[in-house]
Amino acid sequence: MAELATIARPYAEALFRVAKAANLAAWSDLVSEMAQVAANPDVQSLAHNPKVSDDQISSVFLAALKSPVGAEAKNFVDMLAQNDRLTLLPEIAEQFHALKNAQEGAADAEITSAFELSQAQVTDLIASLEKKFGRKLNPTVTVDSTLIGGVRVVVGDEVLDTSVRAKLQQMHVALTA
């Protein structure tokens, strides 16, 4: 997996430089959409089909995007198709967003809750987490009923697990030790 990250890094950095010079937010949305399309198994099989030309692959890929695509994005997709790197787009997008977060002094926060959270609860939780982590957080909230209660927050490589399941596991370890 490290090899894919190494191959994707120069593409992500180049794309980030182009996006910084233009509209970073619009590019961020476009890169996310490109990554979703590139992760589709049908697109991946098309990209690896030796009977399909690079121009055809690029055209089909661009047609699958809902967002308007400018000349720079078209050239980027064409170059990825020519170098057989179109399937790297999910990794490129991940590194692109990491560069964007680093510039903005922000981080992605994956919040998993045992129950559905209201918008007010998410806002309060994010405010307290931003104080704890000392940076702006971009939350992604999911529901996992196996947590039983509480929340689990992942910010980068830091994990804050206040779920009932985690506490039960800690008790189990303490009792069996």
Foldseek 3Di string as FASTA:
>chain_A
DVVLLVVLVVLLVVLLVVCVVPPVVVSLVVLVQLLVLLQDPVLVVVLPDPVDDLVRSLVVSCVPGPDDDDPVRSVSSSVCSVVSNSNSSNSSSVVNVVVVCVVQQEWEKEKEFLDDDDPVRVVVVQVVVCVVVVGHYDYDYYYDNVLVGDMWMDTPPDIDDPGPVVVVVVVVVVVVD
